[in-house]
Amino acid sequence: MVDSYKYKIGVSGAEVIGHCQNDAAKKAREIGKQIALHNGVVITGACFGLPHEAVIGAKKAGGITIGVSPAISEEKHKQDYNFPIENYDLIFYTGYGFAARDVWLMRMSDAVIFICGRIGTLNEFTICFEDNRLMGVLEGTGGTADEIKRIIKIANKGPGRIIYEKDPKKLVEKICKEIDKEKQSLRITNKLRIYE
């Protein structure tokens, strides 16, 4: 039953992984596995690469996976984008291309984890940052993820709500704890409003 899942965690990362660290795919699978083991749902942009590795890891651990496609249909998803459908429990076909798809993906998630990445990952990161969303950065995977601290410093807009970690298991644990804190705070706030 879907409502028994506690966390909706997005995974953002490189579709093409040649520039990533050699163990980035293995770490992405571990991220997916850990999300599943923590009673979470993995949400990705329904593409190949590191997000799909997380999907595979989640499915092997018995988890639920959701894709958010830039395409308007399954046919277009496969033909126009050459994206996978296997290992997904559900794919939303937005029909809005990459930019709008990225907004949907980021806003559907309680938190988003960034692994390696290129320009699309940077776009997803900036959406999360501007929305003040909770983020996790898997350091030591290369690409965009390993530049985020520098980007934050250059941007000069504050630290954001970012958890940095090199270990996939520890990163998912920290993200889940932070989501729990936020949900508890929201419950308390809502109870206080009832009594006003």
Foldseek 3Di string as FASTA:
>chain_A
DLVQQDFEEEEDAAQDQPQWPPCLLVLLLVLLLLCLVNRYEYEYQQAHDSSVSSLVSVVVNVHAYEHEYLAQDPVCSCPVVVGDDPSHPYYHGPVHHLLVSLLVRLVVGQEYEYAAHEVSRVSSVVSCQVVLHAYEQQPRTHHPSPCVVVVCVVVPPDDGRYHYDNHSNVRSVVSSVVSVVVVVVVVVVVVVVVVD
